[in-house]
Structure formats: structure tokens, C-alpha cells
Amino acid sequence: MNVGSRTEAIQHLQRVNYYRLSGYWYSFRQLGNGARQDTFFVGTSLEDVMKLYDFDARLRTTTFDALAPVELGVRAALGHALGEVDECAHLKPELLNVRASRGNDYNFWLRKYERELVRSHEDFVSHHENRYGGTLPIWVAVEILDWGIAEVSVWVLAAIGARSCRRRFWTQRSPV
């Protein structure tokens, strides 16, 4: 690989990290015997690798910026819809859909929720612990869910909440 200026190459590696960058130059490595080799295709340059890295970083930022309002909307809709059923509907499987009473979906969700609750350092979690014994109502609980748990919540928790969120955020053909 042509690394160009030694000084610039060092700056790139200090900014990004060798291991992370190696993932971006992986596809520039030659194939041989069914595996990637330690040699690069002719014409490969660190500048091209950095362009790929920078493009990926911009794409990631743009994607997350676009998804943030959707994530917040799903949280709000889920908290509101389930809050109409019961303030702690997420902790009462008897109020939830049939998936909560069969199989492991609800138990899987509950373990992840409890893990996020323990790991959380949010002030509102401490406030609820000190003032209300730590049980978060659903409209507060949705704020500690990561995107994966929030997505699973839409189809594991109350049917009314799932229908409400699906109508708002997903098309008819969505698997959710």
C-alpha cells in the first residue's frame, strides 16, 4: 500500500487507530488460496482507505441523525399507548399480548430491560429509585431502552401499544 507522506500516515493512525483502519483496507487486500493475503492490490493507497473511512463516518452520522426522531417517536408512542393500559404494563405480563405469555420473548425482553435499568446512570432513574421505590412507569421506562429493546418492545408488549406504534411508524408490509 502506498502510505504517502509518513507524517500524514502517522496523523491518520493517531486519529483513527490502526486496528479500526485495518477493517477499511481489508477489501483492498489481494485474494489467494481462498483467503485475504497480506499484500494489497496494485494502486492501493492510504488516501483511498481514509476516503472510505471518512465516507463511512459521514454515512453513519447522517443515518443516526435521520433515525433519532424516529427512535424518539417510537419511545413516546410506546410509552403513551402502554400507559393507557397500565402505568406499569411492561411489568405485568398478564396485560400484555400473547407473545408475553408464551415462549421466551417476554423473559428475554425483561432481562434486557432489567440490565439496562441497573446500568443506567440517568438522574431520572435515581429519582424514581429514591422517591418511588425504583419502579419506572412505562413512559419513563422507554427512556432507558436501547434501540434494539425499543424495537422488540413494540411487538412483545401490549397488543394495543404495538398496533398504535405500527400504525404510526411502519407500513402494512412491515414484519413488525
Protein backbone atom coordinates (compact mmCIF):
# COMPACT_ATOMS: atom_id res chain seq x y z
CA MET A 1 0.00 0.00 0.00
CA ASN A 2 1.22 3.45 -0.81
CA VAL A 3 1.07 5.31 2.51
CA GLY A 4 2.09 8.64 1.02
CA SER A 5 3.62 11.09 3.45
CA ARG A 6 4.94 9.39 6.57
CA THR A 7 3.85 12.36 8.69
CA GLU A 8 0.28 12.24 7.32
CA ALA A 9 0.13 8.45 7.73
CA ILE A 10 1.12 8.80 11.39
CA GLN A 11 -1.52 11.51 11.88
CA HIS A 12 -4.19 9.26 10.32
CA LEU A 13 -3.22 6.36 12.57
CA GLN A 14 -3.20 8.57 15.66
CA ARG A 15 -6.65 9.92 14.76
CA VAL A 16 -8.33 6.65 13.79
CA ASN A 17 -6.33 3.72 15.23
CA TYR A 18 -4.57 1.00 13.27
CA TYR A 19 -6.99 -1.79 14.11
CA ARG A 20 -10.12 0.16 13.12
CA LEU A 21 -8.48 1.33 9.92
CA SER A 22 -7.42 -2.21 9.04
CA GLY A 23 -11.09 -3.07 8.61
CA TYR A 24 -11.33 -0.45 5.89
CA TRP A 25 -8.28 -1.66 3.99
CA TYR A 26 -9.29 -5.31 4.29
CA SER A 27 -11.14 -5.28 0.96
CA PHE A 28 -8.02 -3.84 -0.72
CA ARG A 29 -6.01 -6.95 0.23
CA GLN A 30 -5.42 -9.47 -2.54
CA LEU A 31 -7.17 -12.82 -2.56
CA GLY A 32 -5.22 -16.05 -2.74
CA ASN A 33 -5.94 -19.63 -1.74
CA GLY A 34 -9.46 -18.61 -0.71
CA ALA A 35 -8.29 -16.04 1.82
CA ARG A 36 -7.11 -12.43 2.03
CA GLN A 37 -3.37 -12.06 1.73
CA ASP A 38 -1.03 -9.58 3.36
CA THR A 39 -0.43 -7.86 0.02
CA PHE A 40 -2.58 -5.13 -1.46
CA PHE A 41 -3.96 -4.68 -4.96
CA VAL A 42 -1.74 -2.51 -7.10
CA GLY A 43 -2.61 1.16 -6.74
CA THR A 44 -3.99 0.88 -3.20
CA SER A 45 -3.23 3.99 -1.18
CA LEU A 46 -3.79 5.04 2.40
CA GLU A 47 -5.51 8.11 0.99
CA ASP A 48 -8.17 5.86 -0.64
CA VAL A 49 -8.61 3.98 2.63
CA MET A 50 -9.04 7.26 4.51
CA LYS A 51 -11.62 8.41 1.96
CA LEU A 52 -13.56 5.19 2.53
CA TYR A 53 -13.30 5.63 6.31
CA ASP A 54 -14.43 9.28 6.12
CA PHE A 55 -17.35 8.36 3.84
CA ASP A 56 -18.44 5.64 6.26
CA ALA A 57 -18.21 8.06 9.20
CA ARG A 58 -20.35 10.64 7.36
CA LEU A 59 -22.85 7.96 6.34
CA ARG A 60 -23.11 6.71 9.93
CA THR A 61 -23.64 10.24 11.26
CA THR A 62 -26.26 11.01 8.63
CA THR A 63 -28.07 7.75 9.30
CA PHE A 64 -28.15 8.28 13.07
CA ASP A 65 -29.29 11.88 12.62
CA ALA A 66 -32.15 10.67 10.42
CA LEU A 67 -33.14 7.85 12.80
CA ALA A 68 -33.08 9.91 16.02
CA PRO A 69 -36.54 11.48 15.55
CA VAL A 70 -37.99 8.08 14.63
CA GLU A 71 -36.47 6.49 17.74
CA LEU A 72 -37.84 9.28 19.96
CA GLY A 73 -41.24 8.97 18.32
CA VAL A 74 -41.34 5.19 18.86
CA ARG A 75 -40.42 5.67 22.52
CA ALA A 76 -43.12 8.30 23.01
CA ALA A 77 -45.81 6.33 21.17
CA LEU A 78 -44.97 3.11 23.01
CA GLY A 79 -44.96 4.85 26.41
CA HIS A 80 -48.24 6.61 25.68
CA ALA A 81 -50.08 3.57 24.28
CA LEU A 82 -48.97 1.21 27.05
CA GLY A 83 -49.54 3.89 29.69
CA GLU A 84 -53.19 3.93 28.68
CA VAL A 85 -53.34 0.20 29.54
CA ASP A 86 -51.50 0.49 32.86
CA GLU A 87 -48.66 2.67 34.14
CA CYS A 88 -46.54 -0.47 34.60
CA ALA A 89 -47.95 -2.60 31.79
CA HIS A 90 -44.41 -3.55 30.80
CA LEU A 91 -44.00 -5.35 34.17
CA LYS A 92 -47.36 -7.15 34.11
CA PRO A 93 -47.28 -9.98 31.57
CA GLU A 94 -50.97 -10.70 32.14
CA LEU A 95 -51.76 -7.35 30.48
CA LEU A 96 -49.53 -7.98 27.51
CA ASN A 97 -50.02 -9.74 24.23
CA VAL A 98 -49.95 -13.47 23.68
CA ARG A 99 -46.20 -13.46 22.95
CA ALA A 100 -45.61 -12.36 26.54
CA SER A 101 -47.38 -15.40 27.93
CA ARG A 102 -45.83 -17.96 25.56
CA GLY A 103 -42.22 -18.71 24.80
CA ASN A 104 -39.26 -16.70 25.96
CA ASP A 105 -39.82 -13.35 24.24
CA TYR A 106 -41.06 -11.52 27.31
CA ASN A 107 -38.44 -13.04 29.64
CA PHE A 108 -35.71 -12.11 27.14
CA TRP A 109 -37.09 -8.57 26.96
CA LEU A 110 -37.41 -8.31 30.75
CA ARG A 111 -33.81 -9.45 31.33
CA LYS A 112 -32.53 -6.83 28.88
CA TYR A 113 -34.74 -4.15 30.43
CA GLU A 114 -33.55 -5.01 33.96
CA ARG A 115 -29.93 -4.99 32.80
CA GLU A 116 -30.38 -1.53 31.25
CA LEU A 117 -32.08 -0.33 34.42
CA VAL A 118 -29.14 -1.46 36.58
CA ARG A 119 -26.58 0.02 34.17
CA SER A 120 -28.36 3.36 33.83
CA HIS A 121 -26.80 6.43 35.42
CA GLU A 122 -29.66 8.71 34.42
CA ASP A 123 -30.86 11.15 37.07
CA PHE A 124 -34.49 10.20 36.46
CA VAL A 125 -33.71 6.57 37.36
CA SER A 126 -32.17 7.66 40.68
CA HIS A 127 -35.12 9.98 41.26
CA HIS A 128 -37.60 7.13 40.79
CA GLU A 129 -35.47 4.84 42.96
CA ASN A 130 -35.38 7.37 45.83
CA ARG A 131 -38.90 8.71 45.53
CA TYR A 132 -40.99 5.80 44.25
CA GLY A 133 -39.02 2.66 45.09
CA GLY A 134 -37.45 2.28 41.66
CA THR A 135 -40.37 1.02 39.62
CA LEU A 136 -40.45 3.08 36.45
CA PRO A 137 -43.79 3.70 34.76
CA ILE A 138 -43.72 2.76 31.08
CA TRP A 139 -43.46 6.38 29.86
CA VAL A 140 -40.24 6.68 31.88
CA ALA A 141 -39.00 3.13 31.25
CA VAL A 142 -38.94 3.67 27.49
CA GLU A 143 -36.16 6.22 28.01
CA ILE A 144 -33.65 3.61 29.17
CA LEU A 145 -34.36 1.18 26.35
CA ASP A 146 -31.72 0.96 23.66
CA TRP A 147 -32.97 0.93 20.07
CA GLY A 148 -32.96 -2.88 19.90
CA ILE A 149 -35.02 -3.24 23.07
CA ALA A 150 -37.40 -0.49 21.96
CA GLU A 151 -37.93 -2.26 18.63
CA VAL A 152 -38.58 -5.60 20.35
CA SER A 153 -40.89 -3.83 22.81
CA VAL A 154 -43.21 -2.83 20.00
CA TRP A 155 -44.02 -6.46 19.22
CA VAL A 156 -43.57 -8.12 22.61
CA LEU A 157 -45.52 -5.85 24.91
CA ALA A 158 -49.20 -4.94 24.80
CA ALA A 159 -51.02 -5.56 21.55
CA ILE A 160 -52.65 -2.13 21.79
CA GLY A 161 -49.25 -0.47 22.10
CA ALA A 162 -47.85 -2.45 19.21
CA ARG A 163 -50.80 -1.64 16.95
CA SER A 164 -50.57 2.04 17.82
CA CYS A 165 -46.82 2.18 17.13
CA ARG A 166 -47.07 0.13 13.95
CA ARG A 167 -49.78 2.40 12.55
CA ARG A 168 -47.62 5.41 13.23
CA PHE A 169 -44.19 4.16 12.16
CA TRP A 170 -44.38 1.08 9.93
CA THR A 171 -46.05 0.21 6.67
CA GLN A 172 -48.58 -2.57 6.18
CA ARG A 173 -45.83 -4.86 4.83
CA SER A 174 -43.51 -4.42 7.76
CA PRO A 175 -42.64 -7.61 9.64
CA VAL A 176 -43.05 -5.74 12.93
